[in-house]
PDB file of all heavy atoms in Angstrom:
ATOM      1  N   ALA A   1      12.113-159.825 112.672  1.00  0.00           N
ATOM      2  CA  ALA A   1      11.772-159.024 111.502  1.00  0.00           C
ATOM      3  C   ALA A   1      12.980-158.230 111.000  1.00  0.00           C
ATOM      4  O   ALA A   1      13.216-158.132 109.788  1.00  0.00           O
ATOM      5  CB  ALA A   1      10.624-158.079 111.842  1.00  0.00           C
ATOM      6  N   HIS A   2      13.752-157.684 111.923  1.00  0.00           N
ATOM      7  CA  HIS A   2      14.949-156.931 111.544  1.00  0.00           C
ATOM      8  C   HIS A   2      15.947-157.829 110.824  1.00  0.00           C
ATOM      9  O   HIS A   2      16.513-157.470 109.790  1.00  0.00           O
ATOM     10  CB  HIS A   2      15.578-156.313 112.802  1.00  0.00           C
ATOM     11  CG  HIS A   2      16.790-155.479 112.531  1.00  0.00           C
ATOM     12  ND1 HIS A   2      18.067-156.013 112.480  1.00  0.00           N
ATOM     13  CD2 HIS A   2      16.929-154.155 112.275  1.00  0.00           C
ATOM     14  CE1 HIS A   2      18.930-155.048 112.223  1.00  0.00           C
ATOM     15  NE2 HIS A   2      18.276-153.919 112.100  1.00  0.00           N
ATOM     16  N   HIS A   3      16.157-159.018 111.368  1.00  0.00           N
ATOM     17  CA  HIS A   3      17.102-159.959 110.762  1.00  0.00           C
ATOM     18  C   HIS A   3      16.627-160.372 109.368  1.00  0.00           C
ATOM     19  O   HIS A   3      17.423-160.393 108.417  1.00  0.00           O
ATOM     20  CB  HIS A   3      17.245-161.188 111.650  1.00  0.00           C
ATOM     21  CG  HIS A   3      18.089-162.265 111.054  1.00  0.00           C
ATOM     22  ND1 HIS A   3      19.470-162.281 111.154  1.00  0.00           N
ATOM     23  CD2 HIS A   3      17.751-163.365 110.313  1.00  0.00           C
ATOM     24  CE1 HIS A   3      19.944-163.335 110.527  1.00  0.00           C
ATOM     25  NE2 HIS A   3      18.926-164.014 110.001  1.00  0.00           N
ATOM     26  N   ALA A   4      15.347-160.698 109.235  1.00  0.00           N
ATOM     27  CA  ALA A   4      14.830-161.159 107.942  1.00  0.00           C
ATOM     28  C   ALA A   4      14.961-160.083 106.872  1.00  0.00           C
ATOM     29  O   ALA A   4      15.312-160.370 105.723  1.00  0.00           O
ATOM     30  CB  ALA A   4      13.374-161.577 108.091  1.00  0.00           C
ATOM     31  N   ALA A   5      14.698-158.829 107.245  1.00  0.00           N
ATOM     32  CA  ALA A   5      14.746-157.755 106.264  1.00  0.00           C
ATOM     33  C   ALA A   5      16.168-157.340 105.931  1.00  0.00           C
ATOM     34  O   ALA A   5      16.517-157.167 104.758  1.00  0.00           O
ATOM     35  CB  ALA A   5      13.968-156.544 106.792  1.00  0.00           C
ATOM     36  N   LEU A   6      17.016-157.191 106.937  1.00  0.00           N
ATOM     37  CA  LEU A   6      18.358-156.651 106.718  1.00  0.00           C
ATOM     38  C   LEU A   6      19.331-157.698 106.184  1.00  0.00           C
ATOM     39  O   LEU A   6      20.349-157.357 105.586  1.00  0.00           O
ATOM     40  CB  LEU A   6      18.895-156.053 108.009  1.00  0.00           C
ATOM     41  CG  LEU A   6      18.511-154.586 108.282  1.00  0.00           C
ATOM     42  CD1 LEU A   6      19.097-153.671 107.225  1.00  0.00           C
ATOM     43  CD2 LEU A   6      17.000-154.397 108.388  1.00  0.00           C
ATOM     44  N   ASN A   7      19.039-158.966 106.382  1.00  0.00           N
ATOM     45  CA  ASN A   7      19.926-160.024 105.916  1.00  0.00           C
ATOM     46  C   ASN A   7      19.371-160.758 104.694  1.00  0.00           C
ATOM     47  O   ASN A   7      19.819-161.862 104.390  1.00  0.00           O
ATOM     48  CB  ASN A   7      20.192-161.021 107.052  1.00  0.00           C
ATOM     49  CG  ASN A   7      21.039-160.425 108.151  1.00  0.00           C
ATOM     50  OD1 ASN A   7      22.266-160.377 108.050  1.00  0.00           O
ATOM     51  ND2 ASN A   7      20.386-159.968 109.216  1.00  0.00           N
ATOM     52  N   GLU A   8      18.379-160.126 104.041  1.00  0.00           N
ATOM     53  CA  GLU A   8      17.833-160.690 102.801  1.00  0.00           C
ATOM     54  C   GLU A   8      17.417-162.147 103.003  1.00  0.00           C
ATOM     55  O   GLU A   8      17.891-163.055 102.327  1.00  0.00           O
ATOM     56  CB  GLU A   8      18.841-160.567 101.656  1.00  0.00           C
ATOM     57  CG  GLU A   8      19.217-159.143 101.307  1.00  0.00           C
ATOM     58  CD  GLU A   8      18.078-158.386 100.633  1.00  0.00           C
ATOM     59  OE1 GLU A   8      17.117-159.037 100.200  1.00  0.00           O
ATOM     60  OE2 GLU A   8      18.162-157.150 100.566  1.00  0.00           O
ATOM     61  N   ARG A   9      16.505-162.368 103.959  1.00  0.00           N
ATOM     62  CA  ARG A   9      16.002-163.716 104.245  1.00  0.00           C
ATOM     63  C   ARG A   9      14.513-163.786 103.903  1.00  0.00           C
ATOM     64  O   ARG A   9      13.652-163.791 104.786  1.00  0.00           O
ATOM     65  CB  ARG A   9      16.227-164.055 105.713  1.00  0.00           C
ATOM     66  CG  ARG A   9      17.674-164.294 106.105  1.00  0.00           C
ATOM     67  CD  ARG A   9      18.216-165.588 105.502  1.00  0.00           C
ATOM     68  NE  ARG A   9      17.415-166.752 105.849  1.00  0.00           N
ATOM     69  CZ  ARG A   9      17.573-167.463 106.979  1.00  0.00           C
ATOM     70  NH1 ARG A   9      18.492-167.120 107.862  1.00  0.00           N
ATOM     71  NH2 ARG A   9      16.811-168.521 107.212  1.00  0.00           N
ATOM     72  N   PRO A  10      14.184-163.815 102.609  1.00  0.00           N
ATOM     73  CA  PRO A  10      12.766-163.885 102.246  1.00  0.00           C
ATOM     74  C   PRO A  10      12.074-165.144 102.758  1.00  0.00           C
ATOM     75  O   PRO A  10      10.843-165.144 102.920  1.00  0.00           O
ATOM     76  CB  PRO A  10      12.795-163.844 100.709  1.00  0.00           C
ATOM     77  CG  PRO A  10      14.175-164.306 100.335  1.00  0.00           C
ATOM     78  CD  PRO A  10      15.063-163.805 101.425  1.00  0.00           C
ATOM     79  N   ASP A  11      12.850-166.201 103.016  1.00  0.00           N
ATOM     80  CA  ASP A  11      12.247-167.421 103.535  1.00  0.00           C
ATOM     81  C   ASP A  11      11.649-167.221 104.929  1.00  0.00           C
ATOM     82  O   ASP A  11      10.834-168.037 105.384  1.00  0.00           O
ATOM     83  CB  ASP A  11      13.287-168.538 103.578  1.00  0.00           C
ATOM     84  CG  ASP A  11      14.515-168.174 104.390  1.00  0.00           C
ATOM     85  OD1 ASP A  11      15.121-167.107 104.119  1.00  0.00           O
ATOM     86  OD2 ASP A  11      14.888-168.949 105.298  1.00  0.00           O
ATOM     87  N   LEU A  12      12.039-166.137 105.612  1.00  0.00           N
ATOM     88  CA  LEU A  12      11.528-165.850 106.949  1.00  0.00           C
ATOM     89  C   LEU A  12      10.388-164.837 106.931  1.00  0.00           C
ATOM     90  O   LEU A  12       9.907-164.430 107.993  1.00  0.00           O
ATOM     91  CB  LEU A  12      12.651-165.328 107.851  1.00  0.00           C
ATOM     92  CG  LEU A  12      13.817-166.269 108.127  1.00  0.00           C
ATOM     93  CD1 LEU A  12      14.873-165.564 108.971  1.00  0.00           C
ATOM     94  CD2 LEU A  12      13.321-167.524 108.843  1.00  0.00           C
ATOM     95  N   ALA A  13       9.955-164.418 105.746  1.00  0.00           N
ATOM     96  CA  ALA A  13       9.000-163.313 105.654  1.00  0.00           C
ATOM     97  C   ALA A  13       7.690-163.618 106.366  1.00  0.00           C
ATOM     98  O   ALA A  13       7.154-162.777 107.104  1.00  0.00           O
ATOM     99  CB  ALA A  13       8.737-162.968 104.186  1.00  0.00           C
ATOM    100  N   ARG A  14       7.149-164.802 106.180  1.00  0.00           N
ATOM    101  CA  ARG A  14       5.859-165.123 106.793  1.00  0.00           C
ATOM    102  C   ARG A  14       5.989-165.223 108.309  1.00  0.00           C
ATOM    103  O   ARG A  14       5.118-164.735 109.052  1.00  0.00           O
ATOM    104  CB  ARG A  14       5.312-166.426 106.200  1.00  0.00           C
ATOM    105  CG  ARG A  14       4.876-166.267 104.753  1.00  0.00           C
ATOM    106  CD  ARG A  14       4.694-167.603 104.049  1.00  0.00           C
ATOM    107  NE  ARG A  14       3.550-168.335 104.533  1.00  0.00           N
ATOM    108  CZ  ARG A  14       2.574-168.800 103.754  1.00  0.00           C
ATOM    109  NH1 ARG A  14       2.608-168.566 102.442  1.00  0.00           N
ATOM    110  NH2 ARG A  14       1.575-169.484 104.242  1.00  0.00           N
ATOM    111  N   GLN A  15       7.048-165.838 108.763  1.00  0.00           N
ATOM    112  CA  GLN A  15       7.271-165.962 110.197  1.00  0.00           C
ATOM    113  C   GLN A  15       7.434-164.577 110.832  1.00  0.00           C
ATOM    114  O   GLN A  15       6.865-164.287 111.904  1.00  0.00           O
ATOM    115  CB  GLN A  15       8.516-166.820 110.452  1.00  0.00           C
ATOM    116  CG  GLN A  15       8.806-167.116 111.914  1.00  0.00           C
ATOM    117  CD  GLN A  15      10.057-167.975 112.061  1.00  0.00           C
ATOM    118  OE1 GLN A  15      10.549-168.555 111.090  1.00  0.00           O
ATOM    119  NE2 GLN A  15      10.565-168.065 113.274  1.00  0.00           N
ATOM    120  N   ALA A  16       8.193-163.707 110.169  1.00  0.00           N
ATOM    121  CA  ALA A  16       8.415-162.360 110.700  1.00  0.00           C
ATOM    122  C   ALA A  16       7.128-161.542 110.693  1.00  0.00           C
ATOM    123  O   ALA A  16       6.830-160.814 111.652  1.00  0.00           O
ATOM    124  CB  ALA A  16       9.495-161.654 109.888  1.00  0.00           C
ATOM    125  N   ALA A  17       6.340-161.638 109.617  1.00  0.00           N
ATOM    126  CA  ALA A  17       5.093-160.886 109.540  1.00  0.00           C
ATOM    127  C   ALA A  17       4.124-161.335 110.626  1.00  0.00           C
ATOM    128  O   ALA A  17       3.448-160.505 111.259  1.00  0.00           O
ATOM    129  CB  ALA A  17       4.466-161.058 108.156  1.00  0.00           C
ATOM    130  N   SER A  18       4.042-162.633 110.863  1.00  0.00           N
ATOM    131  CA  SER A  18       3.166-163.131 111.930  1.00  0.00           C
ATOM    132  C   SER A  18       3.602-162.597 113.286  1.00  0.00           C
ATOM    133  O   SER A  18       2.780-162.164 114.101  1.00  0.00           O
ATOM    134  CB  SER A  18       3.169-164.665 111.948  1.00  0.00           C
ATOM    135  OG  SER A  18       2.543-165.185 110.799  1.00  0.00           O
ATOM    136  N   ALA A  19       4.894-162.614 113.545  1.00  0.00           N
ATOM    137  CA  ALA A  19       5.401-162.146 114.833  1.00  0.00           C
ATOM    138  C   ALA A  19       5.064-160.671 115.058  1.00  0.00           C
ATOM    139  O   ALA A  19       4.630-160.278 116.152  1.00  0.00           O
ATOM    140  CB  ALA A  19       6.907-162.371 114.913  1.00  0.00           C
ATOM    141  N   LEU A  20       5.250-159.841 114.035  1.00  0.00           N
ATOM    142  CA  LEU A  20       4.932-158.418 114.175  1.00  0.00           C
ATOM    143  C   LEU A  20       3.439-158.192 114.360  1.00  0.00           C
ATOM    144  O   LEU A  20       3.016-157.329 115.144  1.00  0.00           O
ATOM    145  CB  LEU A  20       5.431-157.645 112.955  1.00  0.00           C
ATOM    146  CG  LEU A  20       6.947-157.527 112.779  1.00  0.00           C
ATOM    147  CD1 LEU A  20       7.263-156.731 111.520  1.00  0.00           C
ATOM    148  CD2 LEU A  20       7.601-156.884 113.999  1.00  0.00           C
ATOM    149  N   TYR A  21       2.623-158.942 113.656  1.00  0.00           N
ATOM    150  CA  TYR A  21       1.167-158.831 113.801  1.00  0.00           C
ATOM    151  C   TYR A  21       0.745-159.156 115.226  1.00  0.00           C
ATOM    152  O   TYR A  21      -0.060-158.431 115.836  1.00  0.00           O
ATOM    153  CB  TYR A  21       0.500-159.770 112.801  1.00  0.00           C
ATOM    154  CG  TYR A  21      -1.007-159.849 112.894  1.00  0.00           C
ATOM    155  CD1 TYR A  21      -1.811-158.938 112.207  1.00  0.00           C
ATOM    156  CD2 TYR A  21      -1.627-160.856 113.623  1.00  0.00           C
ATOM    157  CE1 TYR A  21      -3.198-159.029 112.268  1.00  0.00           C
ATOM    158  CE2 TYR A  21      -3.014-160.951 113.684  1.00  0.00           C
ATOM    159  CZ  TYR A  21      -3.794-160.037 113.012  1.00  0.00           C
ATOM    160  OH  TYR A  21      -5.166-160.128 113.069  1.00  0.00           O
ATOM    161  N   HIS A  22       1.294-160.232 115.770  1.00  0.00           N
ATOM    162  CA  HIS A  22       0.930-160.609 117.141  1.00  0.00           C
ATOM    163  C   HIS A  22       1.433-159.580 118.142  1.00  0.00           C
ATOM    164  O   HIS A  22       0.746-159.262 119.120  1.00  0.00           O
ATOM    165  CB  HIS A  22       1.483-161.996 117.470  1.00  0.00           C
ATOM    166  CG  HIS A  22       0.957-163.085 116.580  1.00  0.00           C
ATOM    167  ND1 HIS A  22      -0.332-163.106 116.122  1.00  0.00           N
ATOM    168  CD2 HIS A  22       1.559-164.195 116.051  1.00  0.00           C
ATOM    169  CE1 HIS A  22      -0.514-164.170 115.363  1.00  0.00           C
ATOM    170  NE2 HIS A  22       0.614-164.847 115.302  1.00  0.00           N
ATOM    171  N   ALA A  23       2.614-159.044 117.901  1.00  0.00           N
ATOM    172  CA  ALA A  23       3.154-158.021 118.806  1.00  0.00           C
ATOM    173  C   ALA A  23       2.276-156.772 118.788  1.00  0.00           C
ATOM    174  O   ALA A  23       1.947-156.204 119.837  1.00  0.00           O
ATOM    175  CB  ALA A  23       4.584-157.673 118.401  1.00  0.00           C
ATOM    176  N   LEU A  24       1.888-156.329 117.592  1.00  0.00           N
ATOM    177  CA  LEU A  24       1.048-155.147 117.476  1.00  0.00           C
ATOM    178  C   LEU A  24      -0.320-155.382 118.112  1.00  0.00           C
ATOM    179  O   LEU A  24      -0.826-154.525 118.860  1.00  0.00           O
ATOM    180  CB  LEU A  24       0.892-154.776 116.004  1.00  0.00           C
ATOM    181  CG  LEU A  24      -0.140-153.690 115.676  1.00  0.00           C
ATOM    182  CD1 LEU A  24       0.201-152.378 116.382  1.00  0.00           C
ATOM    183  CD2 LEU A  24      -0.247-153.488 114.167  1.00  0.00           C
ATOM    184  N   SER A  25      -0.925-156.517 117.834  1.00  0.00           N
ATOM    185  CA  SER A  25      -2.260-156.775 118.377  1.00  0.00           C
ATOM    186  C   SER A  25      -2.224-156.907 119.889  1.00  0.00           C
ATOM    187  O   SER A  25      -3.138-156.441 120.583  1.00  0.00           O
ATOM    188  CB  SER A  25      -2.869-158.028 117.735  1.00  0.00           C
ATOM    189  OG  SER A  25      -2.086-159.175 118.002  1.00  0.00           O
ATOM    190  N   LEU A  26      -1.186-157.520 120.435  1.00  0.00           N
ATOM    191  CA  LEU A  26      -1.062-157.622 121.890  1.00  0.00           C
ATOM    192  C   LEU A  26      -1.032-156.225 122.515  1.00  0.00           C
ATOM    193  O   LEU A  26      -1.748-155.944 123.492  1.00  0.00           O
ATOM    194  CB  LEU A  26       0.197-158.402 122.259  1.00  0.00           C
ATOM    195  CG  LEU A  26       0.485-158.591 123.747  1.00  0.00           C
ATOM    196  CD1 LEU A  26       1.183-159.914 124.005  1.00  0.00           C
ATOM    197  CD2 LEU A  26       1.356-157.461 124.317  1.00  0.00           C
ATOM    198  N   ALA A  27      -0.205-155.338 121.968  1.00  0.00           N
ATOM    199  CA  ALA A  27      -0.095-153.983 122.508  1.00  0.00           C
ATOM    200  C   ALA A  27      -1.412-153.234 122.362  1.00  0.00           C
ATOM    201  O   ALA A  27      -1.835-152.507 123.277  1.00  0.00           O
ATOM    202  CB  ALA A  27       1.035-153.240 121.816  1.00  0.00           C
ATOM    203  N   ALA A  28      -2.067-153.389 121.217  1.00  0.00           N
ATOM    204  CA  ALA A  28      -3.343-152.714 121.007  1.00  0.00           C
ATOM    205  C   ALA A  28      -4.396-153.204 121.988  1.00  0.00           C
ATOM    206  O   ALA A  28      -5.174-152.414 122.539  1.00  0.00           O
ATOM    207  CB  ALA A  28      -3.812-152.933 119.568  1.00  0.00           C
ATOM    208  N   LEU A  29      -4.441-154.501 122.224  1.00  0.00           N
ATOM    209  CA  LEU A  29      -5.411-155.065 123.169  1.00  0.00           C
ATOM    210  C   LEU A  29      -5.177-154.525 124.579  1.00  0.00           C
ATOM    211  O   LEU A  29      -6.134-154.219 125.307  1.00  0.00           O
ATOM    212  CB  LEU A  29      -5.325-156.587 123.159  1.00  0.00           C
ATOM    213  CG  LEU A  29      -5.897-157.288 121.921  1.00  0.00           C
ATOM    214  CD1 LEU A  29      -5.385-158.722 121.819  1.00  0.00           C
ATOM    215  CD2 LEU A  29      -7.431-157.267 121.949  1.00  0.00           C
ATOM    216  N   ARG A  30      -3.928-154.399 124.988  1.00  0.00           N
ATOM    217  CA  ARG A  30      -3.645-153.858 126.331  1.00  0.00           C
ATOM    218  C   ARG A  30      -4.036-152.380 126.403  1.00  0.00           C
ATOM    219  O   ARG A  30      -4.538-151.914 127.431  1.00  0.00           O
ATOM    220  CB  ARG A  30      -2.176-154.059 126.680  1.00  0.00           C
ATOM    221  CG  ARG A  30      -1.747-155.530 126.748  1.00  0.00           C
ATOM    222  CD  ARG A  30      -0.826-155.796 127.923  1.00  0.00           C
ATOM    223  NE  ARG A  30      -0.337-157.166 127.931  1.00  0.00           N
ATOM    224  CZ  ARG A  30      -1.003-158.214 128.430  1.00  0.00           C
ATOM    225  NH1 ARG A  30      -2.204-158.039 128.961  1.00  0.00           N
ATOM    226  NH2 ARG A  30      -0.462-159.421 128.403  1.00  0.00           N
ATOM    227  N   TRP A  31      -3.814-151.630 125.313  1.00  0.00           N
ATOM    228  CA  TRP A  31      -4.228-150.232 125.294  1.00  0.00           C
ATOM    229  C   TRP A  31      -5.754-150.119 125.331  1.00  0.00           C
ATOM    230  O   TRP A  31      -6.319-149.301 126.068  1.00  0.00           O
ATOM    231  CB  TRP A  31      -3.677-149.552 124.047  1.00  0.00           C
ATOM    232  CG  TRP A  31      -4.120-148.136 123.898  1.00  0.00           C
ATOM    233  CD1 TRP A  31      -3.618-147.036 124.545  1.00  0.00           C
ATOM    234  CD2 TRP A  31      -5.174-147.659 123.037  1.00  0.00           C
ATOM    235  NE1 TRP A  31      -4.304-145.901 124.148  1.00  0.00           N
ATOM    236  CE2 TRP A  31      -5.257-146.257 123.222  1.00  0.00           C
ATOM    237  CE3 TRP A  31      -6.045-148.282 122.136  1.00  0.00           C
ATOM    238  CZ2 TRP A  31      -6.182-145.479 122.538  1.00  0.00           C
ATOM    239  CZ3 TRP A  31      -6.962-147.514 121.448  1.00  0.00           C
ATOM    240  CH2 TRP A  31      -7.024-146.124 121.662  1.00  0.00           C
TER     241      TRP A  31
END
């Protein structure tokens, strides 16, 4: 996500958003 945003890679936006969603949901589920 950092690379896609800071290096102006809009082609990676969906991949990055999915990764962050899964990371957040994983942490929430463990909590």
